[in-house]
Amino acid sequence: MKREVVLTPRAQVEIENVFAYLELKWNEKTKKQFSNKINTVLSLIVENPELFPVSSVNRKIRKAVISKQSTLFYHFNSKHIIVLSVFDTRQNPTKINKIK
């Protein structure tokens, strides 16, 4: 049985913010490419949740690099993949400590 992907409210807002930024500063094609990257990473996680490394900040959280500017943080259980954050790596790195 495949695990269901669940986005936390924080992750939803962060993804929407990235999409809005890409649409404003770049174009629809770039936004679509980013969306495809997220979907590819999520597909890999659903197939093998242990594929990506454990975060150095919290051993219960794993991190998957989407692009050099974005990292997806998640954890999983037997039924769900919980996306905690889509973190913009250009931000202050101490903000990563707030991901739970």
N, C-alpha and C. Protein backbone atom coordinates (compact mmCIF):
# COMPACT_ATOMS: atom_id res chain seq x y z
N MET A 1 0.84 -1.19 0.00
CA MET A 1 0.00 0.00 0.00
C MET A 1 0.88 1.25 0.00
N LYS A 2 0.60 2.16 -0.92
CA LYS A 2 1.37 3.39 -1.00
C LYS A 2 0.93 4.38 0.07
N ARG A 3 1.90 5.11 0.55
CA ARG A 3 1.61 6.13 1.54
C ARG A 3 1.01 7.36 0.88
N GLU A 4 0.11 8.02 1.60
CA GLU A 4 -0.52 9.25 1.12
C GLU A 4 0.37 10.44 1.48
N VAL A 5 0.54 11.37 0.54
CA VAL A 5 1.32 12.58 0.79
C VAL A 5 0.41 13.62 1.43
N VAL A 6 0.87 14.17 2.55
CA VAL A 6 0.12 15.20 3.28
C VAL A 6 1.02 16.43 3.41
N LEU A 7 0.50 17.57 2.99
CA LEU A 7 1.24 18.83 3.15
C LEU A 7 0.77 19.52 4.42
N THR A 8 1.70 19.94 5.25
CA THR A 8 1.32 20.73 6.42
C THR A 8 0.91 22.11 5.93
N PRO A 9 0.16 22.86 6.73
CA PRO A 9 -0.19 24.23 6.33
C PRO A 9 1.05 25.06 6.00
N ARG A 10 2.11 24.88 6.78
CA ARG A 10 3.36 25.62 6.53
C ARG A 10 3.90 25.29 5.13
N ALA A 11 3.95 24.00 4.78
CA ALA A 11 4.46 23.59 3.48
C ALA A 11 3.59 24.13 2.35
N GLN A 12 2.27 24.12 2.54
CA GLN A 12 1.37 24.66 1.52
C GLN A 12 1.66 26.13 1.26
N VAL A 13 1.82 26.90 2.32
CA VAL A 13 2.10 28.34 2.17
C VAL A 13 3.45 28.55 1.49
N GLU A 14 4.44 27.78 1.88
CA GLU A 14 5.77 27.93 1.29
C GLU A 14 5.76 27.60 -0.21
N ILE A 15 5.06 26.56 -0.58
CA ILE A 15 4.97 26.20 -2.00
C ILE A 15 4.23 27.29 -2.77
N GLU A 16 3.13 27.78 -2.22
CA GLU A 16 2.38 28.86 -2.88
C GLU A 16 3.26 30.10 -3.03
N ASN A 17 4.07 30.40 -2.02
CA ASN A 17 4.96 31.56 -2.09
C ASN A 17 6.02 31.39 -3.18
N VAL A 18 6.57 30.19 -3.30
CA VAL A 18 7.55 29.93 -4.35
C VAL A 18 6.89 30.07 -5.73
N PHE A 19 5.70 29.50 -5.88
CA PHE A 19 4.98 29.61 -7.16
C PHE A 19 4.70 31.07 -7.51
N ALA A 20 4.25 31.84 -6.53
CA ALA A 20 3.96 33.26 -6.77
C ALA A 20 5.23 34.00 -7.17
N TYR A 21 6.32 33.71 -6.50
CA TYR A 21 7.59 34.35 -6.83
C TYR A 21 8.03 34.00 -8.25
N LEU A 22 7.97 32.71 -8.59
CA LEU A 22 8.39 32.27 -9.92
C LEU A 22 7.53 32.89 -11.01
N GLU A 23 6.25 32.99 -10.75
CA GLU A 23 5.34 33.58 -11.73
C GLU A 23 5.61 35.08 -11.91
N LEU A 24 5.89 35.76 -10.79
CA LEU A 24 6.14 37.20 -10.82
C LEU A 24 7.49 37.53 -11.43
N LYS A 25 8.54 36.84 -11.01
CA LYS A 25 9.91 37.18 -11.41
C LYS A 25 10.40 36.43 -12.64
N TRP A 26 9.81 35.30 -12.93
CA TRP A 26 10.25 34.50 -14.05
C TRP A 26 9.11 34.33 -15.05
N ASN A 27 8.55 33.12 -15.15
CA ASN A 27 7.43 32.92 -16.08
C ASN A 27 6.72 31.61 -15.74
N GLU A 28 5.65 31.36 -16.44
CA GLU A 28 4.83 30.17 -16.20
C GLU A 28 5.62 28.88 -16.46
N LYS A 29 6.49 28.92 -17.46
CA LYS A 29 7.29 27.74 -17.78
C LYS A 29 8.20 27.36 -16.60
N THR A 30 8.83 28.33 -16.00
CA THR A 30 9.72 28.09 -14.85
C THR A 30 8.91 27.55 -13.67
N LYS A 31 7.73 28.11 -13.47
CA LYS A 31 6.85 27.63 -12.40
C LYS A 31 6.47 26.17 -12.65
N LYS A 32 6.15 25.82 -13.87
CA LYS A 32 5.78 24.45 -14.23
C LYS A 32 6.96 23.49 -14.03
N GLN A 33 8.16 23.94 -14.38
CA GLN A 33 9.35 23.12 -14.19
C GLN A 33 9.58 22.83 -12.71
N PHE A 34 9.39 23.84 -11.87
CA PHE A 34 9.55 23.65 -10.43
C PHE A 34 8.49 22.68 -9.90
N SER A 35 7.27 22.85 -10.37
CA SER A 35 6.19 21.95 -9.98
C SER A 35 6.52 20.51 -10.35
N ASN A 36 7.07 20.31 -11.54
CA ASN A 36 7.46 18.97 -11.99
C ASN A 36 8.56 18.39 -11.09
N LYS A 37 9.51 19.24 -10.68
CA LYS A 37 10.58 18.78 -9.79
C LYS A 37 10.01 18.33 -8.45
N ILE A 38 9.08 19.11 -7.90
CA ILE A 38 8.45 18.72 -6.63
C ILE A 38 7.73 17.38 -6.79
N ASN A 39 6.97 17.25 -7.86
CA ASN A 39 6.23 16.00 -8.09
C ASN A 39 7.15 14.80 -8.27
N THR A 40 8.28 15.00 -8.94
CA THR A 40 9.25 13.93 -9.12
C THR A 40 9.83 13.50 -7.77
N VAL A 41 10.22 14.47 -6.96
CA VAL A 41 10.78 14.17 -5.64
C VAL A 41 9.74 13.45 -4.78
N LEU A 42 8.50 13.93 -4.80
CA LEU A 42 7.45 13.28 -4.01
C LEU A 42 7.19 11.85 -4.49
N SER A 43 7.24 11.63 -5.78
CA SER A 43 7.07 10.26 -6.31
C SER A 43 8.17 9.34 -5.81
N LEU A 44 9.39 9.84 -5.79
CA LEU A 44 10.52 9.06 -5.28
C LEU A 44 10.34 8.75 -3.80
N ILE A 45 9.87 9.73 -3.04
CA ILE A 45 9.66 9.54 -1.61
C ILE A 45 8.55 8.51 -1.35
N VAL A 46 7.47 8.58 -2.12
CA VAL A 46 6.38 7.62 -1.96
C VAL A 46 6.89 6.20 -2.24
N GLU A 47 7.71 6.04 -3.25
CA GLU A 47 8.24 4.72 -3.60
C GLU A 47 9.23 4.21 -2.56
N ASN A 48 10.04 5.12 -2.02
CA ASN A 48 11.05 4.72 -1.04
C ASN A 48 11.30 5.89 -0.07
N PRO A 49 10.54 5.96 1.02
CA PRO A 49 10.64 7.09 1.95
C PRO A 49 12.01 7.25 2.61
N GLU A 50 12.81 6.18 2.62
CA GLU A 50 14.13 6.25 3.24
C GLU A 50 15.22 6.62 2.25
N LEU A 51 14.83 6.97 1.04
CA LEU A 51 15.79 7.29 -0.02
C LEU A 51 16.65 8.50 0.32
N PHE A 52 16.07 9.51 0.91
CA PHE A 52 16.79 10.75 1.16
C PHE A 52 17.38 10.77 2.57
N PRO A 53 18.45 11.55 2.75
CA PRO A 53 19.16 11.53 4.03
C PRO A 53 18.38 12.14 5.19
N VAL A 54 18.76 11.71 6.37
CA VAL A 54 18.20 12.26 7.60
C VAL A 54 18.78 13.65 7.80
N SER A 55 17.97 14.57 8.29
CA SER A 55 18.40 15.94 8.54
C SER A 55 19.37 15.97 9.71
N SER A 56 20.36 16.83 9.62
CA SER A 56 21.31 16.99 10.73
C SER A 56 20.67 17.77 11.88
N VAL A 57 19.58 18.47 11.60
CA VAL A 57 18.90 19.27 12.61
C VAL A 57 18.01 18.40 13.50
N ASN A 58 17.29 17.45 12.88
CA ASN A 58 16.36 16.59 13.61
C ASN A 58 16.40 15.20 12.97
N ARG A 59 16.78 14.21 13.72
CA ARG A 59 16.95 12.86 13.19
C ARG A 59 15.64 12.21 12.73
N LYS A 60 14.50 12.78 13.09
CA LYS A 60 13.20 12.23 12.67
C LYS A 60 12.77 12.78 11.31
N ILE A 61 13.49 13.77 10.83
CA ILE A 61 13.13 14.46 9.58
C ILE A 61 14.15 14.12 8.50
N ARG A 62 13.65 13.94 7.29
CA ARG A 62 14.52 13.71 6.13
C ARG A 62 14.45 14.91 5.21
N LYS A 63 15.49 15.08 4.40
CA LYS A 63 15.53 16.22 3.50
C LYS A 63 15.82 15.77 2.08
N ALA A 64 15.10 16.36 1.15
CA ALA A 64 15.27 16.06 -0.26
C ALA A 64 15.50 17.36 -1.00
N VAL A 65 16.61 17.46 -1.70
CA VAL A 65 16.91 18.67 -2.46
C VAL A 65 16.07 18.67 -3.73
N ILE A 66 15.32 19.76 -3.90
CA ILE A 66 14.49 19.93 -5.10
C ILE A 66 15.32 20.67 -6.16
N SER A 67 15.97 21.73 -5.74
CA SER A 67 16.87 22.52 -6.58
C SER A 67 17.91 23.11 -5.65
N LYS A 68 18.88 23.83 -6.20
CA LYS A 68 19.89 24.39 -5.31
C LYS A 68 19.31 25.48 -4.41
N GLN A 69 18.11 25.97 -4.73
CA GLN A 69 17.45 26.98 -3.89
C GLN A 69 16.38 26.41 -2.97
N SER A 70 15.99 25.15 -3.14
CA SER A 70 14.85 24.60 -2.39
C SER A 70 15.12 23.19 -1.89
N THR A 71 14.75 22.97 -0.64
CA THR A 71 14.87 21.66 -0.03
C THR A 71 13.54 21.30 0.62
N LEU A 72 13.10 20.08 0.41
CA LEU A 72 11.85 19.59 0.98
C LEU A 72 12.18 18.77 2.24
N PHE A 73 11.54 19.11 3.35
CA PHE A 73 11.71 18.38 4.60
C PHE A 73 10.45 17.57 4.87
N TYR A 74 10.62 16.33 5.27
CA TYR A 74 9.47 15.46 5.49
C TYR A 74 9.78 14.40 6.54
N HIS A 75 8.74 13.77 7.03
CA HIS A 75 8.87 12.54 7.80
C HIS A 75 7.74 11.63 7.35
N PHE A 76 7.77 10.39 7.79
CA PHE A 76 6.77 9.43 7.32
C PHE A 76 6.43 8.42 8.40
N ASN A 77 5.27 7.81 8.20
CA ASN A 77 4.86 6.68 9.03
C ASN A 77 4.30 5.63 8.09
N SER A 78 3.62 4.64 8.61
CA SER A 78 3.16 3.54 7.76
C SER A 78 2.08 3.96 6.75
N LYS A 79 1.39 5.07 7.00
CA LYS A 79 0.30 5.49 6.12
C LYS A 79 0.55 6.80 5.37
N HIS A 80 1.44 7.65 5.89
CA HIS A 80 1.58 9.00 5.33
C HIS A 80 3.03 9.43 5.14
N ILE A 81 3.21 10.27 4.14
CA ILE A 81 4.42 11.07 3.97
C ILE A 81 3.99 12.48 4.34
N ILE A 82 4.56 13.05 5.38
CA ILE A 82 4.16 14.38 5.83
C ILE A 82 5.23 15.38 5.42
N VAL A 83 4.85 16.26 4.49
CA VAL A 83 5.76 17.31 4.02
C VAL A 83 5.68 18.45 5.02
N LEU A 84 6.79 18.70 5.70
CA LEU A 84 6.83 19.71 6.75
C LEU A 84 7.14 21.10 6.21
N SER A 85 8.03 21.14 5.21
CA SER A 85 8.47 22.44 4.71
C SER A 85 9.10 22.28 3.34
N VAL A 86 8.96 23.31 2.52
CA VAL A 86 9.73 23.45 1.30
C VAL A 86 10.55 24.71 1.55
N PHE A 87 11.79 24.49 1.98
CA PHE A 87 12.62 25.56 2.51
C PHE A 87 13.45 26.21 1.42
N ASP A 88 13.40 27.53 1.37
CA ASP A 88 14.23 28.31 0.45
C ASP A 88 15.61 28.41 1.08
N THR A 89 16.60 27.79 0.48
CA THR A 89 17.93 27.72 1.07
C THR A 89 18.65 29.07 1.08
N ARG A 90 18.08 30.07 0.45
CA ARG A 90 18.68 31.41 0.48
C ARG A 90 18.28 32.16 1.76
N GLN A 91 17.38 31.58 2.55
CA GLN A 91 16.97 32.19 3.81
C GLN A 91 18.04 31.99 4.87
N ASN A 92 17.84 32.64 6.00
CA ASN A 92 18.70 32.45 7.15
C ASN A 92 18.63 30.99 7.56
N PRO A 93 19.76 30.27 7.59
CA PRO A 93 19.73 28.83 7.89
C PRO A 93 19.22 28.49 9.30
N THR A 94 19.21 29.43 10.20
CA THR A 94 18.70 29.14 11.54
C THR A 94 17.19 28.92 11.52
N LYS A 95 16.51 29.34 10.47
CA LYS A 95 15.06 29.09 10.35
C LYS A 95 14.76 27.60 10.21
N ILE A 96 15.74 26.83 9.76
CA ILE A 96 15.54 25.39 9.63
C ILE A 96 15.24 24.77 10.99
N ASN A 97 15.80 25.34 12.04
CA ASN A 97 15.58 24.80 13.40
C ASN A 97 14.12 24.85 13.82
N LYS A 98 13.32 25.70 13.17
CA LYS A 98 11.91 25.84 13.51
C LYS A 98 11.03 24.77 12.88
N ILE A 99 11.59 23.97 11.99
CA ILE A 99 10.82 22.90 11.33
C ILE A 99 10.67 21.75 12.31
N LYS A 100 9.43 21.34 12.55
CA LYS A 100 9.19 20.24 13.49
C LYS A 100 8.29 19.20 12.90
